[in-house]
């Protein structure tokens, strides 16, 4: 049974062959043409390597001869006249298919060098077969002496086809490289978000521990009172349940850390590479929410960063804070970095609504937020800046400050450098 998908591909090759054969110049004897189709044919055979060469080339030859004969009727020829001038080309197609099939069977995979040798051989010997066929018909064997020119033409056409395939190969490699880089950017961004959540969960373990400890202390106090035995048991139950929650919580954290450790290679990154990832994230958010906000990233000097996922968490939170502060209005968010003495200094400044003086001292407190979810009016969870401050101080031994008025808000993060790097 004929594979319809393969037949479609063979027909496509034939149609391209017909179109390419319209570009030609006559050579040696009447009706013999040097055409562009002998460049496109091997290229398409290489692309559709799943097709068997011999039946494909013979099929292409039949369709091409019939197709060209039809087109020649538009120039005043009868179909029979056109066909009589074209059918000797089957000698070319048959021998071309046989030689290509031989190389195909003999050298599975056809590396570039072998493929080039194959198509030059097919071109040269195929043309010789066509000239021989025409010579037998006309009785003129003189053109068979000019084999050197035919060989040169075969090498030139083979070289052009080779360059096309080589260009396609490197183009695919470029696309794969870009795809790989984009996937790695997304992975790094995802890793950064997950690391932030894991860090926050670890912070919460202290609160869970305190609740458990306080519940147990309450139990011990109540247990001493004869009339409060029932309340003491409730306090003990709370302590035990919180302990179970803590164990499960730790299990989740360890599982996430194990997954993240396997998912992403913990290598250093340059700040400029981190910024490129942040640009994609921020502009995606801006476009998704149809915001009129300009982003500016000014890196006065690049720096290597080992814990890049934490730096990305810091900058992402500060940048997102700026975008949310501006909201649907028109504004600008600017991120700058420079090295001052032995410190790396990050600044994120936005032209949003600013922070009131009375709120500045609470801005880094857990749960504090001035932002509300639209529609529900629920306050947002308010852990972003708390998380940023904790990471800056505990992971990098740095410092974060904020200044604001009704026209702008600027966060300044200062982190010590070790050997010119952020570690």
Protein backbone atom coordinates (compact mmCIF):
# COMPACT_ATOMS: atom_id res chain seq x y z
CA UNK A 1 0.00 0.00 0.00
CA UNK A 2 1.31 3.46 -0.94
CA UNK A 3 2.23 5.70 1.98
CA UNK A 4 0.25 8.89 1.29
CA UNK A 5 2.59 11.03 3.35
CA UNK A 6 5.64 9.84 1.41
CA UNK A 7 3.78 10.28 -1.88
CA UNK A 8 3.06 13.90 -0.93
CA UNK A 9 6.75 14.48 -0.26
CA UNK A 10 7.76 12.85 -3.55
CA UNK A 11 5.22 15.00 -5.40
CA UNK A 12 6.56 18.12 -3.67
CA UNK A 13 10.09 17.24 -4.84
CA UNK A 14 8.75 16.75 -8.38
CA UNK A 15 6.96 20.12 -8.38
CA UNK A 16 10.08 21.90 -7.13
CA UNK A 17 12.09 20.05 -9.78
CA UNK A 18 9.70 21.26 -12.49
CA UNK A 19 9.97 24.85 -11.27
CA UNK A 20 13.76 24.74 -10.96
CA UNK A 21 14.16 23.17 -14.41
CA UNK A 22 12.65 26.30 -15.98
CA UNK A 23 15.97 28.02 -15.16
CA UNK A 24 18.52 26.60 -17.59
CA UNK A 25 20.94 27.18 -20.44
CA UNK A 26 21.43 24.98 -23.52
CA UNK A 27 24.66 23.08 -23.90
CA UNK A 28 26.41 20.88 -26.51
CA UNK A 29 23.41 19.44 -28.33
CA UNK A 30 19.84 20.43 -29.00
CA UNK A 31 17.36 19.84 -26.14
CA UNK A 32 20.15 19.15 -23.59
CA UNK A 33 19.93 21.69 -20.76
CA UNK A 34 21.99 22.55 -17.69
CA UNK A 35 19.25 23.32 -15.14
CA UNK A 36 18.89 24.53 -11.58
CA UNK A 37 16.86 21.43 -10.70
CA UNK A 38 20.03 19.35 -10.27
CA UNK A 39 20.84 21.60 -7.29
CA UNK A 40 17.40 21.39 -5.67
CA UNK A 41 16.97 17.64 -6.22
CA UNK A 42 19.86 16.43 -4.00
CA UNK A 43 19.01 19.03 -1.35
CA UNK A 44 15.44 17.73 -1.11
CA UNK A 45 16.63 14.11 -1.13
CA UNK A 46 18.88 14.95 1.81
CA UNK A 47 16.07 16.69 3.69
CA UNK A 48 13.65 13.81 3.11
CA UNK A 49 16.11 11.04 3.92
CA UNK A 50 13.27 8.71 4.87
CA UNK A 51 12.36 8.38 1.16
CA UNK A 52 14.02 5.63 -0.88
CA UNK A 53 16.18 7.40 -3.49
CA UNK A 54 15.62 5.22 -6.59
CA UNK A 55 11.79 5.13 -6.66
CA UNK A 56 11.69 8.77 -5.57
CA UNK A 57 14.02 9.99 -8.34
CA UNK A 58 12.27 7.88 -11.01
CA UNK A 59 8.88 9.22 -9.86
CA UNK A 60 10.25 12.77 -9.89
CA UNK A 61 11.66 12.19 -13.38
CA UNK A 62 8.32 11.01 -14.79
CA UNK A 63 6.33 13.86 -13.22
CA UNK A 64 8.97 16.44 -14.19
CA UNK A 65 9.09 15.34 -17.84
CA UNK A 66 5.31 15.38 -18.12
CA UNK A 67 5.10 18.71 -16.30
CA UNK A 68 7.75 20.40 -18.44
CA UNK A 69 6.14 19.02 -21.59
CA UNK A 70 2.87 20.63 -20.53
CA UNK A 71 4.56 23.98 -19.86
CA UNK A 72 6.26 23.86 -23.26
CA UNK A 73 2.85 23.68 -24.94
CA UNK A 74 2.33 27.23 -23.65
CA UNK A 75 5.25 28.28 -25.87
CA UNK A 76 3.67 26.92 -29.07
CA UNK A 77 4.90 23.32 -29.01
CA UNK A 78 2.51 20.42 -29.26
CA UNK A 79 2.58 18.11 -26.26
CA UNK A 80 4.08 15.31 -28.39
CA UNK A 81 6.87 17.58 -29.69
CA UNK A 82 7.65 18.71 -26.15
CA UNK A 83 7.58 15.16 -24.82
CA UNK A 84 9.89 13.88 -27.60
CA UNK A 85 12.41 16.55 -26.62
CA UNK A 86 12.19 15.75 -22.91
CA UNK A 87 11.84 11.99 -22.49
CA UNK A 88 15.60 11.25 -22.99
CA UNK A 89 16.06 12.92 -19.61
CA UNK A 90 14.79 9.69 -18.04
CA UNK A 91 18.28 8.33 -18.69
CA UNK A 92 19.56 11.02 -16.34
CA UNK A 93 16.96 10.33 -13.64
CA UNK A 94 17.30 6.53 -13.73
CA UNK A 95 21.10 6.54 -13.45
CA UNK A 96 20.96 9.37 -10.87
CA UNK A 97 18.57 7.28 -8.76
CA UNK A 98 20.67 4.12 -9.09
CA UNK A 99 23.91 5.83 -8.04
CA UNK A 100 22.27 7.72 -5.16
CA UNK A 101 20.61 4.48 -4.01
CA UNK A 102 24.01 2.75 -4.06
CA UNK A 103 25.56 5.42 -1.83
CA UNK A 104 22.43 5.39 0.33
CA UNK A 105 22.72 1.62 0.90
CA UNK A 106 26.51 1.48 1.09
CA UNK A 107 27.03 4.41 3.46
CA UNK A 108 24.12 4.55 5.88
CA UNK A 109 23.64 8.08 7.18
CA UNK A 110 25.61 9.74 4.34
CA UNK A 111 27.97 12.16 6.09
CA UNK A 112 28.62 15.45 4.30
CA UNK A 113 31.77 14.34 2.47
CA UNK A 114 30.20 11.12 1.19
CA UNK A 115 27.01 12.96 0.25
CA UNK A 116 29.01 15.51 -1.77
CA UNK A 117 30.84 12.71 -3.61
CA UNK A 118 27.50 11.01 -4.24
CA UNK A 119 25.73 14.02 -5.76
CA UNK A 120 28.72 14.97 -7.95
CA UNK A 121 28.84 11.38 -9.24
CA UNK A 122 25.06 11.36 -9.78
CA UNK A 123 25.17 14.70 -11.61
CA UNK A 124 28.10 13.86 -13.87
CA UNK A 125 27.15 10.27 -14.74
CA UNK A 126 23.46 11.16 -15.02
CA UNK A 127 24.25 13.87 -17.57
CA UNK A 128 26.49 11.44 -19.44
CA UNK A 129 23.61 8.96 -19.54
CA UNK A 130 21.24 11.59 -20.94
CA UNK A 131 23.76 12.71 -23.58
CA UNK A 132 24.35 9.07 -24.54
CA UNK A 133 20.58 8.54 -24.89
CA UNK A 134 20.26 11.63 -27.09
CA UNK A 135 23.36 10.60 -29.09
CA UNK A 136 21.81 7.21 -29.79
CA UNK A 137 18.66 8.94 -31.02
CA UNK A 138 20.42 11.59 -33.15
CA UNK A 139 23.55 9.63 -34.11
CA UNK A 140 25.73 12.56 -32.95
CA UNK A 141 28.36 11.21 -30.51
CA UNK A 142 30.64 14.26 -30.66
CA UNK A 143 29.36 15.82 -27.36
CA UNK A 144 30.55 12.76 -25.41
CA UNK A 145 34.13 14.02 -25.83
CA UNK A 146 33.53 17.11 -23.66
CA UNK A 147 33.40 15.21 -20.36
CA UNK A 148 35.70 17.60 -18.47
CA UNK A 149 33.22 20.46 -18.78
CA UNK A 150 30.38 18.23 -17.57
CA UNK A 151 32.50 17.16 -14.59
CA UNK A 152 33.24 20.80 -13.75
CA UNK A 153 29.52 21.64 -13.95
CA UNK A 154 28.75 18.67 -11.68
CA UNK A 155 31.32 19.84 -9.12
CA UNK A 156 29.97 23.42 -9.17
CA UNK A 157 26.34 22.36 -8.80
CA UNK A 158 27.31 19.82 -6.14
CA UNK A 159 29.24 22.53 -4.31
CA UNK A 160 26.23 24.86 -4.34
CA UNK A 161 23.96 22.09 -3.03
CA UNK A 162 26.59 21.25 -0.40
CA UNK A 163 26.72 24.88 0.77
CA UNK A 164 22.92 24.99 1.01
CA UNK A 165 22.83 21.87 3.19
CA UNK A 166 25.71 23.16 5.31
CA UNK A 167 23.93 26.49 5.79
CA UNK A 168 20.73 24.66 6.80
CA UNK A 169 22.72 22.53 9.26
CA UNK A 170 24.28 25.53 10.99
CA UNK A 171 20.96 27.36 10.98
CA UNK A 172 19.36 24.42 12.81
CA UNK A 173 22.26 24.39 15.27
CA UNK A 174 21.72 28.11 15.86
CA UNK A 175 18.01 27.56 16.48
CA UNK A 176 18.76 24.70 18.87
CA UNK A 177 21.29 26.83 20.69
CA UNK A 178 18.80 29.67 21.04
CA UNK A 179 16.14 27.23 22.18
CA UNK A 180 18.56 25.74 24.72
CA UNK A 181 19.50 29.20 26.01
CA UNK A 182 15.84 30.19 26.31
CA UNK A 183 15.02 26.99 28.17
CA UNK A 184 17.97 27.58 30.48
CA UNK A 185 16.79 31.16 31.13
CA UNK A 186 13.34 29.89 32.03
CA UNK A 187 14.88 27.20 34.23
CA UNK A 188 17.04 29.75 36.06
CA UNK A 189 14.02 32.04 36.54
CA UNK A 190 11.93 29.12 37.80
CA UNK A 191 14.77 28.03 40.07
CA UNK A 192 15.01 31.53 41.48
CA UNK A 193 11.29 31.58 42.28
CA UNK A 194 11.46 28.15 43.88
CA UNK A 195 14.54 29.08 45.91
CA UNK A 196 12.65 32.13 47.20
CA UNK A 197 9.70 30.00 48.25
CA UNK A 198 11.98 27.43 49.90
CA UNK A 199 13.80 30.20 51.72
CA UNK A 200 10.50 31.63 52.95
CA UNK A 201 9.35 28.19 54.08
CA UNK A 202 12.59 27.76 56.04
CA UNK A 203 11.93 31.13 57.68
CA UNK A 204 8.49 29.91 58.70
CA UNK A 205 9.97 26.86 60.38
CA UNK A 206 11.12 29.14 63.21
CA UNK A 207 7.54 30.30 63.73
CA UNK A 208 6.27 26.72 63.63
CA UNK A 209 8.90 25.75 66.19
CA UNK A 210 7.84 28.61 68.46
CA UNK A 211 4.16 27.65 68.23
CA UNK A 212 5.02 24.05 69.09
CA UNK A 213 7.26 25.09 71.98
CA UNK A 214 4.70 27.54 73.37
CA UNK A 215 1.94 24.94 73.14
CA UNK A 216 4.02 22.41 75.03
CA UNK A 217 5.00 24.97 77.69
CA UNK A 218 1.33 25.82 78.09
CA UNK A 219 0.55 22.13 78.49
CA UNK A 220 3.14 21.77 81.27
CA UNK A 221 1.69 24.72 83.15
CA UNK A 222 -1.91 23.60 82.77
CA UNK A 223 -1.08 20.00 83.71
CA UNK A 224 -0.11 21.18 87.19
CA UNK A 225 -3.63 22.46 87.77
CA UNK A 226 -6.11 19.75 88.74
CA UNK A 227 -9.11 21.61 87.36
CA UNK A 228 -7.44 22.31 83.98
CA UNK A 229 -6.59 18.77 82.88
CA UNK A 230 -8.87 18.98 79.84
CA UNK A 231 -7.33 22.28 78.70
CA UNK A 232 -3.86 20.82 79.26
CA UNK A 233 -4.71 17.90 76.99
CA UNK A 234 -5.88 20.32 74.29
CA UNK A 235 -2.57 22.21 74.54
CA UNK A 236 -0.65 18.91 74.29
CA UNK A 237 -2.70 17.87 71.26
CA UNK A 238 -1.89 21.21 69.60
CA UNK A 239 1.83 20.71 70.30
CA UNK A 240 1.71 17.19 68.83
CA UNK A 241 -0.23 18.30 65.75
CA UNK A 242 2.13 21.21 65.16
CA UNK A 243 5.03 18.77 65.49
CA UNK A 244 3.47 16.62 62.73
CA UNK A 245 2.98 19.71 60.60
CA UNK A 246 6.63 20.61 61.15
CA UNK A 247 7.80 17.13 60.08
CA UNK A 248 5.68 17.28 56.93
CA UNK A 249 6.86 20.82 56.26
CA UNK A 250 10.50 19.76 56.55
CA UNK A 251 9.80 16.81 54.24
CA UNK A 252 8.34 19.12 51.60
CA UNK A 253 11.29 21.52 51.87
CA UNK A 254 13.86 18.74 51.63
CA UNK A 255 12.03 17.25 48.64
CA UNK A 256 11.93 20.60 46.86
CA UNK A 257 15.59 21.26 47.62
CA UNK A 258 16.51 17.82 46.30
CA UNK A 259 14.55 18.41 43.08
CA UNK A 260 16.02 21.87 42.57
CA UNK A 261 19.52 20.56 43.22
CA UNK A 262 19.07 18.02 40.43
CA UNK A 263 17.29 20.36 38.03
CA UNK A 264 19.81 23.19 37.78
CA UNK A 265 23.55 23.32 37.78
CA UNK A 266 24.72 25.59 40.58
CA UNK A 267 27.31 27.57 38.65
CA UNK A 268 28.15 31.24 38.75
CA UNK A 269 26.52 33.67 36.35
CA UNK A 270 27.38 37.14 35.17
CA UNK A 271 25.05 39.91 36.28
CA UNK A 272 24.42 40.90 32.65
CA UNK A 273 23.09 37.40 31.93
CA UNK A 274 20.83 37.60 34.99
CA UNK A 275 19.57 40.99 33.81
CA UNK A 276 18.70 39.55 30.37
CA UNK A 277 16.52 36.93 32.06
CA UNK A 278 14.91 39.58 34.27
CA UNK A 279 14.18 41.74 31.22
CA UNK A 280 12.24 38.89 29.62
CA UNK A 281 10.28 38.27 32.83
CA UNK A 282 9.46 41.93 33.45
CA UNK A 283 8.53 42.77 29.86
CA UNK A 284 6.36 39.65 29.69
CA UNK A 285 4.51 40.94 32.78
CA UNK A 286 4.23 44.45 31.28
CA UNK A 287 2.87 43.14 27.96
CA UNK A 288 0.48 40.70 29.63
CA UNK A 289 -1.03 43.46 31.77
CA UNK A 290 -0.86 46.10 29.02
CA UNK A 291 1.16 48.51 31.18
CA UNK A 292 2.77 51.75 30.03
CA UNK A 293 6.04 51.36 31.94
CA UNK A 294 9.59 51.88 30.72
CA UNK A 295 12.36 49.65 32.11
CA UNK A 296 15.99 50.76 32.23
CA UNK A 297 18.90 48.52 33.23
CA UNK A 298 22.25 50.23 33.74
CA UNK A 299 25.15 47.89 34.53
CA UNK A 300 28.24 50.05 34.88
CA UNK A 301 30.48 47.05 35.49
CA UNK A 302 29.69 43.36 35.17
CA UNK A 303 30.23 41.01 38.11
CA UNK A 304 30.25 37.24 38.61
CA UNK A 305 27.66 35.96 41.08
CA UNK A 306 27.70 32.51 42.65
CA UNK A 307 24.30 32.52 44.37
CA UNK A 308 22.65 33.95 41.27
CA UNK A 309 19.22 32.55 42.15
CA UNK A 310 19.17 34.68 45.33
CA UNK A 311 20.27 37.82 43.48
CA UNK A 312 17.57 37.15 40.91
CA UNK A 313 15.00 36.78 43.70
CA UNK A 314 16.10 40.10 45.22
CA UNK A 315 16.00 42.01 41.94
CA UNK A 316 12.80 40.36 40.70
CA UNK A 317 10.98 41.27 43.91
CA UNK A 318 12.23 44.86 43.86
CA UNK A 319 11.45 45.32 40.16
CA UNK A 320 8.00 43.76 40.55
CA UNK A 321 7.41 46.01 43.55
CA UNK A 322 8.16 48.99 41.29
CA UNK A 323 5.84 47.78 38.52
CA UNK A 324 3.01 47.22 41.00
CA UNK A 325 3.62 50.63 42.56
CA UNK A 326 3.16 52.35 39.19
CA UNK A 327 0.26 50.07 38.26
CA UNK A 328 -1.83 51.22 35.31
CA UNK A 329 -0.28 54.67 35.25
CA UNK A 330 2.67 55.77 33.14
CA UNK A 331 6.08 55.48 34.74
CA UNK A 332 9.64 54.26 34.78
CA UNK A 333 11.53 51.59 36.70
CA UNK A 334 15.32 51.79 36.70
CA UNK A 335 17.82 49.24 37.96
CA UNK A 336 21.50 50.17 38.29
CA UNK A 337 24.60 48.37 39.49
CA UNK A 338 28.10 49.59 40.19
CA UNK A 339 31.13 48.59 42.22
CA UNK A 340 32.14 51.00 44.97
CA UNK A 341 35.33 50.07 46.83
CA UNK A 342 34.75 46.45 47.91
CA UNK A 343 30.99 46.54 47.61
CA UNK A 344 28.46 45.85 44.90
CA UNK A 345 25.66 48.43 44.94
CA UNK A 346 22.25 47.71 43.42
CA UNK A 347 19.60 50.40 43.13
CA UNK A 348 16.02 49.93 41.98
CA UNK A 349 14.07 53.14 41.56
CA UNK A 350 10.47 53.58 40.41
CA UNK A 351 8.28 56.61 39.73
CA UNK A 352 5.25 55.10 41.43
CA UNK A 353 3.06 56.50 44.18
CA UNK A 354 5.79 56.31 46.82
CA UNK A 355 5.67 55.08 50.42
CA UNK A 356 4.30 57.21 53.23
CA UNK A 357 6.78 58.20 55.92
CA UNK A 358 4.76 56.43 58.60
CA UNK A 359 5.04 53.15 56.65
CA UNK A 360 8.77 53.27 55.89
CA UNK A 361 9.80 51.68 59.19
CA UNK A 362 7.36 48.78 58.64
CA UNK A 363 8.09 48.15 54.97
CA UNK A 364 10.30 45.11 55.66
CA UNK A 365 8.09 43.63 58.39
CA UNK A 366 6.52 40.21 57.67
CA UNK A 367 2.97 40.50 56.37
CA UNK A 368 3.11 44.26 55.84
CA UNK A 369 1.69 45.38 52.51
CA UNK A 370 -0.03 48.42 51.07
CA UNK A 371 -1.23 46.46 48.02
CA UNK A 372 -4.67 44.92 47.69
CA UNK A 373 -5.99 42.40 45.20
CA UNK A 374 -8.41 43.97 42.78
CA UNK A 375 -11.98 42.74 43.08
CA UNK A 376 -11.67 40.90 46.38
CA UNK A 377 -9.96 43.68 48.33
CA UNK A 378 -7.81 41.06 50.07
CA UNK A 379 -4.40 42.29 51.16
CA UNK A 380 -1.49 40.67 49.34
CA UNK A 381 0.67 38.36 51.41
CA UNK A 382 3.46 40.93 51.81
CA UNK A 383 6.48 38.64 52.02
CA UNK A 384 8.47 40.00 49.06
CA UNK A 385 10.39 42.76 50.82
CA UNK A 386 10.72 40.72 54.02
CA UNK A 387 12.26 37.95 51.97
CA UNK A 388 14.57 40.38 50.18
CA UNK A 389 15.84 41.85 53.45
CA UNK A 390 16.40 38.42 54.95
CA UNK A 391 18.35 37.16 51.91
CA UNK A 392 20.45 40.33 51.69
CA UNK A 393 21.40 40.22 55.35
CA UNK A 394 21.73 36.49 56.00
CA UNK A 395 22.98 35.13 52.67
CA UNK A 396 25.18 38.03 51.55
CA UNK A 397 25.92 39.85 54.84
CA UNK A 398 24.69 42.98 53.11
CA UNK A 399 22.32 45.83 53.83
CA UNK A 400 19.14 47.16 52.22
CA UNK A 401 17.69 50.64 52.68
CA UNK A 402 14.73 52.49 51.19
CA UNK A 403 14.01 56.14 50.50
CA UNK A 404 10.76 57.52 49.14
CA UNK A 405 8.51 60.52 48.64
CA UNK A 406 5.36 61.12 46.64
CA UNK A 407 7.30 61.02 43.34
CA UNK A 408 9.61 58.02 43.66
CA UNK A 409 10.79 55.04 45.71
CA UNK A 410 14.37 53.79 45.67
CA UNK A 411 15.73 50.60 47.21
CA UNK A 412 19.47 50.37 47.71
CA UNK A 413 21.18 47.02 48.27
CA UNK A 414 24.84 46.97 49.29
CA UNK A 415 26.65 43.61 49.21
CA UNK A 416 30.32 42.94 50.06
CA UNK A 417 32.53 41.70 47.22
CA UNK A 418 35.01 38.87 47.65
CA UNK A 419 37.74 38.86 45.04
CA UNK A 420 35.62 41.18 42.94
CA UNK A 421 32.71 38.69 42.94
CA UNK A 422 29.45 38.28 44.82
CA UNK A 423 29.55 34.93 46.61
